[in-house]
Amino acid sequence: MAKPYSSSHIGMVASSFTSMRLSGQLKQQLVNLLTEEITRIVPEMELATLEATPEKKTLDDATRTRLNYNRTRELMIQEISKVESVGSEAVQACVAHLESLLEKIIHSAEKQAELDRVNTIKPRHLEAAIGPQVDQNVSDKNLSSQVEEDVLDAHVKGSALTPNAIRGIAKSFAGMPITDDAVEELLLLYYDVVDETEENIRKHAQLGSNPAAFIQSIDRMRELMMLGWMRRMLKRASHEARERGYKRIDVEQLVLLDPFE
């Protein structure tokens, strides 16, 4: 019989989604919940697998085709230079990242095809979506911005920023840790900017014929802008910290920055 997850392992995984401490009893409850979910979902996946391919002998994801695990791992091993091997967690993270990036690229190219009023996505639509040099190197400057947003999405769940998310963003984009006080200050600044932006939207919406649609459209733009704002603030703060010989971002660096710049 398979061993269940250890409560400490589930606790470590769950702690990445919150800044609060998790009690020992809660961790065990989470183990039970996840085990029960496996009991529920595996038979459903089994039926879906056989409905899609009756002769199939291996449980599969019948909802869609995923990137090949082994091939992804081999490609990752080819790129490492400072460690000796690639763990399963790293492969899973890379697969999730690549699939998310692929989804963004396809959606962008699809919009370009719709503008052409055609039902086939062609190279010109891809080039228009992410830049003219994609056929030469998918990691060039135009695509790198897509990758940055994808990494950011991994830290930001839904539309709310959490302290834990900001710590992850700081590590990814600023290249250094951030103190708890600085996280709190940055969140306050963030929502100050959000409030002022929303107020400006309301003022301008009064001039339009459809304020609700206008606000909805601007809100989507504002969400993108704010993610960029968070990245810029952290990069600027990390620059200030390095200039002063610090190894982490603190409130001292944030107060030097104009959040509305």
C-alpha atoms as a PDB file:
ATOM      1  CA  MET A   1       0.000   0.000   0.000  1.00  0.00           C
ATOM      2  CA  ALA A   2       1.334   3.436  -0.937  1.00  0.00           C
ATOM      3  CA  LYS A   3       2.468   5.703   1.865  1.00  0.00           C
ATOM      4  CA  PRO A   4       0.567   8.998   2.209  1.00  0.00           C
ATOM      5  CA  TYR A   5       2.305  12.346   1.985  1.00  0.00           C
ATOM      6  CA  SER A   6       4.209  13.321   5.102  1.00  0.00           C
ATOM      7  CA  SER A   7       2.652  16.218   6.993  1.00  0.00           C
ATOM      8  CA  SER A   8       5.975  18.095   6.954  1.00  0.00           C
ATOM      9  CA  HIS A   9       6.180  17.846   3.154  1.00  0.00           C
ATOM     10  CA  ILE A  10       2.616  19.089   2.678  1.00  0.00           C
ATOM     11  CA  GLY A  11       3.350  21.841   5.197  1.00  0.00           C
ATOM     12  CA  MET A  12       6.331  23.039   3.169  1.00  0.00           C
ATOM     13  CA  VAL A  13       4.322  23.010  -0.064  1.00  0.00           C
ATOM     14  CA  ALA A  14       1.358  24.796   1.533  1.00  0.00           C
ATOM     15  CA  SER A  15       3.578  27.406   3.210  1.00  0.00           C
ATOM     16  CA  SER A  16       4.518  28.773  -0.205  1.00  0.00           C
ATOM     17  CA  PHE A  17       0.907  29.929  -0.594  1.00  0.00           C
ATOM     18  CA  THR A  18       0.682  31.896   2.665  1.00  0.00           C
ATOM     19  CA  SER A  19       2.813  34.013   4.979  1.00  0.00           C
ATOM     20  CA  MET A  20       1.068  32.570   8.066  1.00  0.00           C
ATOM     21  CA  ARG A  21       2.302  29.630  10.128  1.00  0.00           C
ATOM     22  CA  LEU A  22       0.557  26.286   9.728  1.00  0.00           C
ATOM     23  CA  SER A  23      -0.302  24.231  12.800  1.00  0.00           C
ATOM     24  CA  GLY A  24       0.711  20.580  12.985  1.00  0.00           C
ATOM     25  CA  GLN A  25      -2.915  19.469  13.157  1.00  0.00           C
ATOM     26  CA  LEU A  26      -3.768  21.512  10.073  1.00  0.00           C
ATOM     27  CA  LYS A  27      -0.927  19.905   8.119  1.00  0.00           C
ATOM     28  CA  GLN A  28      -2.322  16.443   8.871  1.00  0.00           C
ATOM     29  CA  GLN A  29      -5.793  17.574   7.824  1.00  0.00           C
ATOM     30  CA  LEU A  30      -4.330  18.803   4.545  1.00  0.00           C
ATOM     31  CA  VAL A  31      -2.694  15.400   4.016  1.00  0.00           C
ATOM     32  CA  ASN A  32      -6.077  13.732   4.492  1.00  0.00           C
ATOM     33  CA  LEU A  33      -7.803  16.173   2.135  1.00  0.00           C
ATOM     34  CA  LEU A  34      -5.272  15.656  -0.647  1.00  0.00           C
ATOM     35  CA  THR A  35      -5.352  11.874  -0.226  1.00  0.00           C
ATOM     36  CA  GLU A  36      -9.150  11.921  -0.452  1.00  0.00           C
ATOM     37  CA  GLU A  37      -8.921  14.075  -3.583  1.00  0.00           C
ATOM     38  CA  ILE A  38      -6.598  11.532  -5.209  1.00  0.00           C
ATOM     39  CA  THR A  39      -9.104   8.796  -4.330  1.00  0.00           C
ATOM     40  CA  ARG A  40     -11.825  10.836  -6.024  1.00  0.00           C
ATOM     41  CA  ILE A  41     -10.043  12.092  -9.116  1.00  0.00           C
ATOM     42  CA  VAL A  42      -7.999   9.050 -10.220  1.00  0.00           C
ATOM     43  CA  PRO A  43     -11.036   6.892 -11.137  1.00  0.00           C
ATOM     44  CA  GLU A  44     -12.385   9.845 -13.132  1.00  0.00           C
ATOM     45  CA  MET A  45      -9.063  10.201 -14.945  1.00  0.00           C
ATOM     46  CA  GLU A  46      -9.023   6.452 -15.553  1.00  0.00           C
ATOM     47  CA  LEU A  47     -12.465   6.515 -17.190  1.00  0.00           C
ATOM     48  CA  ALA A  48     -11.538   9.577 -19.266  1.00  0.00           C
ATOM     49  CA  THR A  49      -8.316   7.884 -20.415  1.00  0.00           C
ATOM     50  CA  LEU A  50     -10.140   4.750 -21.568  1.00  0.00           C
ATOM     51  CA  GLU A  51     -12.898   6.733 -23.249  1.00  0.00           C
ATOM     52  CA  ALA A  52     -10.293   8.611 -25.271  1.00  0.00           C
ATOM     53  CA  THR A  53      -8.124   5.545 -25.997  1.00  0.00           C
ATOM     54  CA  PRO A  54      -9.805   2.213 -25.090  1.00  0.00           C
ATOM     55  CA  GLU A  55      -6.599   0.191 -25.529  1.00  0.00           C
ATOM     56  CA  LYS A  56      -4.565   2.516 -23.294  1.00  0.00           C
ATOM     57  CA  LYS A  57      -2.719   0.783 -20.446  1.00  0.00           C
ATOM     58  CA  THR A  58      -1.298   3.898 -18.757  1.00  0.00           C
ATOM     59  CA  LEU A  59      -3.268   6.568 -16.916  1.00  0.00           C
ATOM     60  CA  ASP A  60      -3.180   9.773 -18.933  1.00  0.00           C
ATOM     61  CA  ASP A  61      -4.482  13.332 -18.913  1.00  0.00           C
ATOM     62  CA  ALA A  62      -7.380  13.060 -21.334  1.00  0.00           C
ATOM     63  CA  THR A  63      -8.204  16.761 -21.166  1.00  0.00           C
ATOM     64  CA  ARG A  64      -5.181  17.843 -23.211  1.00  0.00           C
ATOM     65  CA  THR A  65      -1.717  16.864 -24.408  1.00  0.00           C
ATOM     66  CA  ARG A  66       1.100  17.974 -22.122  1.00  0.00           C
ATOM     67  CA  LEU A  67       4.784  18.519 -22.768  1.00  0.00           C
ATOM     68  CA  ASN A  68       6.726  15.289 -22.581  1.00  0.00           C
ATOM     69  CA  TYR A  69       8.288  14.917 -19.121  1.00  0.00           C
ATOM     70  CA  ASN A  70      11.321  12.859 -20.138  1.00  0.00           C
ATOM     71  CA  ARG A  71      12.166  15.004 -23.160  1.00  0.00           C
ATOM     72  CA  THR A  72      11.898  18.168 -21.061  1.00  0.00           C
ATOM     73  CA  ARG A  73      14.169  16.643 -18.425  1.00  0.00           C
ATOM     74  CA  GLU A  74      16.757  15.681 -21.061  1.00  0.00           C
ATOM     75  CA  LEU A  75      16.757  19.207 -22.472  1.00  0.00           C
ATOM     76  CA  MET A  76      17.179  20.641 -18.966  1.00  0.00           C
ATOM     77  CA  ILE A  77      20.087  18.304 -18.190  1.00  0.00           C
ATOM     78  CA  GLN A  78      21.762  19.543 -21.355  1.00  0.00           C
ATOM     79  CA  GLU A  79      21.706  23.115 -20.019  1.00  0.00           C
ATOM     80  CA  ILE A  80      22.873  22.676 -16.410  1.00  0.00           C
ATOM     81  CA  SER A  81      26.478  23.473 -15.509  1.00  0.00           C
ATOM     82  CA  LYS A  82      26.657  24.121 -11.754  1.00  0.00           C
ATOM     83  CA  VAL A  83      24.608  21.170 -10.431  1.00  0.00           C
ATOM     84  CA  GLU A  84      24.870  17.463 -11.199  1.00  0.00           C
ATOM     85  CA  SER A  85      21.279  16.423 -11.904  1.00  0.00           C
ATOM     86  CA  VAL A  86      17.717  17.626 -12.457  1.00  0.00           C
ATOM     87  CA  GLY A  87      15.053  16.683  -9.903  1.00  0.00           C
ATOM     88  CA  SER A  88      11.430  15.884 -10.646  1.00  0.00           C
ATOM     89  CA  GLU A  89      10.240  19.099  -8.976  1.00  0.00           C
ATOM     90  CA  ALA A  90      12.420  21.156 -11.306  1.00  0.00           C
ATOM     91  CA  VAL A  91      11.051  19.304 -14.332  1.00  0.00           C
ATOM     92  CA  GLN A  92       7.454  19.829 -13.190  1.00  0.00           C
ATOM     93  CA  ALA A  93       8.116  23.531 -12.661  1.00  0.00           C
ATOM     94  CA  CYS A  94       9.758  23.855 -16.070  1.00  0.00           C
ATOM     95  CA  VAL A  95       6.901  22.022 -17.809  1.00  0.00           C
ATOM     96  CA  ALA A  96       4.352  24.297 -16.111  1.00  0.00           C
ATOM     97  CA  HIS A  97       6.378  27.360 -17.108  1.00  0.00           C
ATOM     98  CA  LEU A  98       6.773  26.273 -20.734  1.00  0.00           C
ATOM     99  CA  GLU A  99       3.109  25.337 -21.099  1.00  0.00           C
ATOM    100  CA  SER A 100       2.065  28.693 -19.661  1.00  0.00           C
ATOM    101  CA  LEU A 101       4.449  30.494 -22.015  1.00  0.00           C
ATOM    102  CA  LEU A 102       3.155  28.477 -24.967  1.00  0.00           C
ATOM    103  CA  GLU A 103      -0.414  29.371 -24.027  1.00  0.00           C
ATOM    104  CA  LYS A 104       0.446  33.081 -23.962  1.00  0.00           C
ATOM    105  CA  ILE A 105       2.206  32.895 -27.320  1.00  0.00           C
ATOM    106  CA  ILE A 106      -0.634  30.992 -29.006  1.00  0.00           C
ATOM    107  CA  HIS A 107      -3.289  33.332 -27.624  1.00  0.00           C
ATOM    108  CA  SER A 108      -1.340  36.355 -28.873  1.00  0.00           C
ATOM    109  CA  ALA A 109      -0.835  34.803 -32.307  1.00  0.00           C
ATOM    110  CA  GLU A 110      -4.499  33.794 -32.410  1.00  0.00           C
ATOM    111  CA  LYS A 111      -5.527  37.419 -31.956  1.00  0.00           C
ATOM    112  CA  GLN A 112      -3.291  38.393 -34.862  1.00  0.00           C
ATOM    113  CA  ALA A 113      -4.932  35.720 -37.025  1.00  0.00           C
ATOM    114  CA  GLU A 114      -8.367  37.024 -36.049  1.00  0.00           C
ATOM    115  CA  LEU A 115      -7.323  40.487 -37.199  1.00  0.00           C
ATOM    116  CA  ASP A 116      -6.459  38.917 -40.576  1.00  0.00           C
ATOM    117  CA  ARG A 117      -9.866  37.198 -40.562  1.00  0.00           C
ATOM    118  CA  VAL A 118      -8.362  33.763 -41.131  1.00  0.00           C
ATOM    119  CA  ASN A 119      -8.738  30.485 -39.236  1.00  0.00           C
ATOM    120  CA  THR A 120      -5.111  29.356 -39.499  1.00  0.00           C
ATOM    121  CA  ILE A 121      -2.293  30.699 -37.334  1.00  0.00           C
ATOM    122  CA  LYS A 122       0.729  31.271 -39.558  1.00  0.00           C
ATOM    123  CA  PRO A 123       4.337  32.386 -38.948  1.00  0.00           C
ATOM    124  CA  ARG A 124       3.459  36.002 -39.727  1.00  0.00           C
ATOM    125  CA  HIS A 125       0.930  35.980 -36.875  1.00  0.00           C
ATOM    126  CA  LEU A 126       3.567  34.635 -34.494  1.00  0.00           C
ATOM    127  CA  GLU A 127       6.035  37.269 -35.654  1.00  0.00           C
ATOM    128  CA  ALA A 128       3.458  40.013 -35.161  1.00  0.00           C
ATOM    129  CA  ALA A 129       2.658  38.674 -31.700  1.00  0.00           C
ATOM    130  CA  ILE A 130       6.153  38.359 -30.246  1.00  0.00           C
ATOM    131  CA  GLY A 131       8.608  39.981 -32.663  1.00  0.00           C
ATOM    132  CA  PRO A 132      10.224  39.465 -36.069  1.00  0.00           C
ATOM    133  CA  GLN A 133      13.176  37.362 -34.902  1.00  0.00           C
ATOM    134  CA  VAL A 134      11.281  34.511 -33.234  1.00  0.00           C
ATOM    135  CA  ASP A 135      12.290  32.050 -35.974  1.00  0.00           C
ATOM    136  CA  GLN A 136      15.951  32.746 -35.212  1.00  0.00           C
ATOM    137  CA  ASN A 137      15.873  32.666 -31.433  1.00  0.00           C
ATOM    138  CA  VAL A 138      12.760  32.338 -29.255  1.00  0.00           C
ATOM    139  CA  SER A 139      14.705  33.764 -26.335  1.00  0.00           C
ATOM    140  CA  ASP A 140      15.441  37.175 -27.838  1.00  0.00           C
ATOM    141  CA  LYS A 141      14.370  40.484 -26.349  1.00  0.00           C
ATOM    142  CA  ASN A 142      10.776  40.516 -27.598  1.00  0.00           C
ATOM    143  CA  LEU A 143       9.996  37.095 -26.168  1.00  0.00           C
ATOM    144  CA  SER A 144      11.855  37.713 -22.923  1.00  0.00           C
ATOM    145  CA  SER A 145       9.167  40.178 -21.854  1.00  0.00           C
ATOM    146  CA  GLN A 146       6.601  37.396 -22.282  1.00  0.00           C
ATOM    147  CA  VAL A 147       8.763  35.137 -20.126  1.00  0.00           C
ATOM    148  CA  GLU A 148       9.044  37.807 -17.424  1.00  0.00           C
ATOM    149  CA  GLU A 149       5.256  38.159 -17.256  1.00  0.00           C
ATOM    150  CA  ASP A 150       4.947  34.381 -17.057  1.00  0.00           C
ATOM    151  CA  VAL A 151       7.304  34.211 -14.097  1.00  0.00           C
ATOM    152  CA  LEU A 152       5.348  36.990 -12.479  1.00  0.00           C
ATOM    153  CA  ASP A 153       2.090  35.102 -12.959  1.00  0.00           C
ATOM    154  CA  ALA A 154       3.570  32.226 -11.028  1.00  0.00           C
ATOM    155  CA  HIS A 155       3.866  34.451  -7.980  1.00  0.00           C
ATOM    156  CA  VAL A 156       0.621  36.387  -8.343  1.00  0.00           C
ATOM    157  CA  LYS A 157      -2.467  34.256  -7.846  1.00  0.00           C
ATOM    158  CA  GLY A 158      -5.648  35.927  -9.048  1.00  0.00           C
ATOM    159  CA  SER A 159      -5.719  39.695  -8.819  1.00  0.00           C
ATOM    160  CA  ALA A 160      -4.373  40.123  -5.273  1.00  0.00           C
ATOM    161  CA  LEU A 161      -0.775  40.529  -4.220  1.00  0.00           C
ATOM    162  CA  THR A 162       0.242  38.812  -1.003  1.00  0.00           C
ATOM    163  CA  PRO A 163       3.386  39.328   1.111  1.00  0.00           C
ATOM    164  CA  ASN A 164       4.598  35.903   0.042  1.00  0.00           C
ATOM    165  CA  ALA A 165       4.037  36.783  -3.611  1.00  0.00           C
ATOM    166  CA  ILE A 166       6.089  39.969  -3.260  1.00  0.00           C
ATOM    167  CA  ARG A 167       8.959  38.024  -1.708  1.00  0.00           C
ATOM    168  CA  GLY A 168       8.935  35.714  -4.711  1.00  0.00           C
ATOM    169  CA  ILE A 169       8.766  38.606  -7.171  1.00  0.00           C
ATOM    170  CA  ALA A 170      11.659  40.347  -5.418  1.00  0.00           C
ATOM    171  CA  LYS A 171      13.810  37.255  -5.712  1.00  0.00           C
ATOM    172  CA  SER A 172      12.888  36.714  -9.377  1.00  0.00           C
ATOM    173  CA  PHE A 173      13.150  40.265 -10.683  1.00  0.00           C
ATOM    174  CA  ALA A 174      15.271  42.208  -8.180  1.00  0.00           C
ATOM    175  CA  GLY A 175      17.686  39.395  -7.417  1.00  0.00           C
ATOM    176  CA  MET A 176      17.683  39.939  -3.659  1.00  0.00           C
ATOM    177  CA  PRO A 177      15.455  39.286  -0.628  1.00  0.00           C
ATOM    178  CA  ILE A 178      13.134  41.890   0.882  1.00  0.00           C
ATOM    179  CA  THR A 179      12.423  42.579   4.557  1.00  0.00           C
ATOM    180  CA  ASP A 180       8.951  42.150   6.071  1.00  0.00           C
ATOM    181  CA  ASP A 181       8.716  45.889   6.756  1.00  0.00           C
ATOM    182  CA  ALA A 182       9.564  46.658   3.140  1.00  0.00           C
ATOM    183  CA  VAL A 183       6.933  44.179   1.942  1.00  0.00           C
ATOM    184  CA  GLU A 184       4.301  45.927   4.049  1.00  0.00           C
ATOM    185  CA  GLU A 185       5.392  49.347   2.790  1.00  0.00           C
ATOM    186  CA  LEU A 186       5.358  48.182  -0.831  1.00  0.00           C
ATOM    187  CA  LEU A 187       1.839  46.774  -0.482  1.00  0.00           C
ATOM    188  CA  LEU A 188       0.621  50.078   0.960  1.00  0.00           C
ATOM    189  CA  LEU A 189       2.219  51.982  -1.919  1.00  0.00           C
ATOM    190  CA  TYR A 190       0.741  49.539  -4.413  1.00  0.00           C
ATOM    191  CA  TYR A 191      -2.811  50.034  -3.196  1.00  0.00           C
ATOM    192  CA  ASP A 192      -2.298  53.806  -3.029  1.00  0.00           C
ATOM    193  CA  VAL A 193      -1.444  53.756  -6.725  1.00  0.00           C
ATOM    194  CA  VAL A 194      -4.392  51.458  -7.437  1.00  0.00           C
ATOM    195  CA  ASP A 195      -6.785  53.798  -5.609  1.00  0.00           C
ATOM    196  CA  GLU A 196      -5.554  56.867  -7.462  1.00  0.00           C
ATOM    197  CA  THR A 197      -5.741  55.049 -10.796  1.00  0.00           C
ATOM    198  CA  GLU A 198      -9.305  53.945 -10.124  1.00  0.00           C
ATOM    199  CA  GLU A 199     -10.280  57.491  -9.183  1.00  0.00           C
ATOM    200  CA  ASN A 200      -8.840  58.786 -12.449  1.00  0.00           C
ATOM    201  CA  ILE A 201     -10.736  56.116 -14.349  1.00  0.00           C
ATOM    202  CA  ARG A 202     -14.012  57.184 -12.760  1.00  0.00           C
ATOM    203  CA  LYS A 203     -13.413  60.820 -13.641  1.00  0.00           C
ATOM    204  CA  HIS A 204     -12.663  60.045 -17.281  1.00  0.00           C
ATOM    205  CA  ALA A 205     -15.471  57.503 -17.551  1.00  0.00           C
ATOM    206  CA  GLN A 206     -18.034  60.236 -16.944  1.00  0.00           C
ATOM    207  CA  LEU A 207     -17.219  61.571 -20.402  1.00  0.00           C
ATOM    208  CA  GLY A 208     -17.884  58.272 -22.172  1.00  0.00           C
ATOM    209  CA  SER A 209     -21.106  56.797 -23.510  1.00  0.00           C
ATOM    210  CA  ASN A 210     -20.536  53.456 -21.801  1.00  0.00           C
ATOM    211  CA  PRO A 211     -18.759  54.010 -18.449  1.00  0.00           C
ATOM    212  CA  ALA A 212     -19.057  50.376 -17.319  1.00  0.00           C
ATOM    213  CA  ALA A 213     -17.312  49.020 -20.392  1.00  0.00           C
ATOM    214  CA  PHE A 214     -14.748  51.815 -20.232  1.00  0.00           C
ATOM    215  CA  ILE A 215     -13.880  51.042 -16.611  1.00  0.00           C
ATOM    216  CA  GLN A 216     -13.678  47.320 -17.314  1.00  0.00           C
ATOM    217  CA  SER A 217     -11.317  47.919 -20.203  1.00  0.00           C
ATOM    218  CA  ILE A 218      -9.133  50.335 -18.284  1.00  0.00           C
ATOM    219  CA  ASP A 219      -9.071  47.992 -15.290  1.00  0.00           C
ATOM    220  CA  ARG A 220      -7.533  45.301 -17.432  1.00  0.00           C
ATOM    221  CA  MET A 221      -4.891  47.753 -18.598  1.00  0.00           C
ATOM    222  CA  ARG A 222      -4.341  48.882 -15.039  1.00  0.00           C
ATOM    223  CA  GLU A 223      -3.721  45.308 -13.872  1.00  0.00           C
ATOM    224  CA  LEU A 224      -0.986  44.913 -16.458  1.00  0.00           C
ATOM    225  CA  MET A 225       0.431  48.309 -15.573  1.00  0.00           C
ATOM    226  CA  MET A 226       0.522  47.492 -11.882  1.00  0.00           C
ATOM    227  CA  LEU A 227       2.417  44.261 -12.436  1.00  0.00           C
ATOM    228  CA  GLY A 228       4.958  46.281 -14.359  1.00  0.00           C
ATOM    229  CA  TRP A 229       4.898  48.884 -11.607  1.00  0.00           C
ATOM    230  CA  MET A 230       5.706  46.258  -8.974  1.00  0.00           C
ATOM    231  CA  ARG A 231       8.601  44.924 -11.024  1.00  0.00           C
ATOM    232  CA  ARG A 232      10.009  48.412 -11.636  1.00  0.00           C
ATOM    233  CA  MET A 233       9.725  49.414  -7.980  1.00  0.00           C
ATOM    234  CA  LEU A 234      11.575  46.309  -6.845  1.00  0.00           C
ATOM    235  CA  LYS A 235      14.293  46.743  -9.474  1.00  0.00           C
ATOM    236  CA  ARG A 236      14.767  50.397  -8.539  1.00  0.00           C
ATOM    237  CA  ALA A 237      14.826  49.553  -4.829  1.00  0.00           C
ATOM    238  CA  SER A 238      17.369  46.777  -5.369  1.00  0.00           C
ATOM    239  CA  HIS A 239      19.551  49.223  -7.321  1.00  0.00           C
ATOM    240  CA  GLU A 240      19.419  51.669  -4.410  1.00  0.00           C
ATOM    241  CA  ALA A 241      20.269  48.859  -1.986  1.00  0.00           C
ATOM    242  CA  ARG A 242      23.281  47.720  -4.006  1.00  0.00           C
ATOM    243  CA  GLU A 243      24.496  51.300  -4.354  1.00  0.00           C
ATOM    244  CA  ARG A 244      24.641  51.450  -0.549  1.00  0.00           C
ATOM    245  CA  GLY A 245      26.198  48.027  -0.130  1.00  0.00           C
ATOM    246  CA  TYR A 246      23.071  46.328   1.236  1.00  0.00           C
ATOM    247  CA  LYS A 247      22.151  42.734   0.468  1.00  0.00           C
ATOM    248  CA  ARG A 248      18.388  43.088   0.842  1.00  0.00           C
ATOM    249  CA  ILE A 249      15.635  45.587   0.106  1.00  0.00           C
ATOM    250  CA  ASP A 250      14.384  47.560   3.114  1.00  0.00           C
ATOM    251  CA  VAL A 251      11.985  50.452   3.738  1.00  0.00           C
ATOM    252  CA  GLU A 252      14.960  52.805   3.560  1.00  0.00           C
ATOM    253  CA  GLN A 253      15.237  52.229  -0.194  1.00  0.00           C
ATOM    254  CA  LEU A 254      11.489  52.400  -0.895  1.00  0.00           C
ATOM    255  CA  VAL A 255      11.013  55.817   0.704  1.00  0.00           C
ATOM    256  CA  LEU A 256      13.530  57.244  -1.765  1.00  0.00           C
ATOM    257  CA  LEU A 257      11.333  56.259  -4.726  1.00  0.00           C
ATOM    258  CA  ASP A 258       8.344  58.054  -6.206  1.00  0.00           C
ATOM    259  CA  PRO A 259       5.612  55.388  -6.584  1.00  0.00           C
ATOM    260  CA  PHE A 260       3.730  57.534  -9.122  1.00  0.00           C
ATOM    261  CA  GLU A 261       6.738  58.033 -11.388  1.00  0.00           C
END
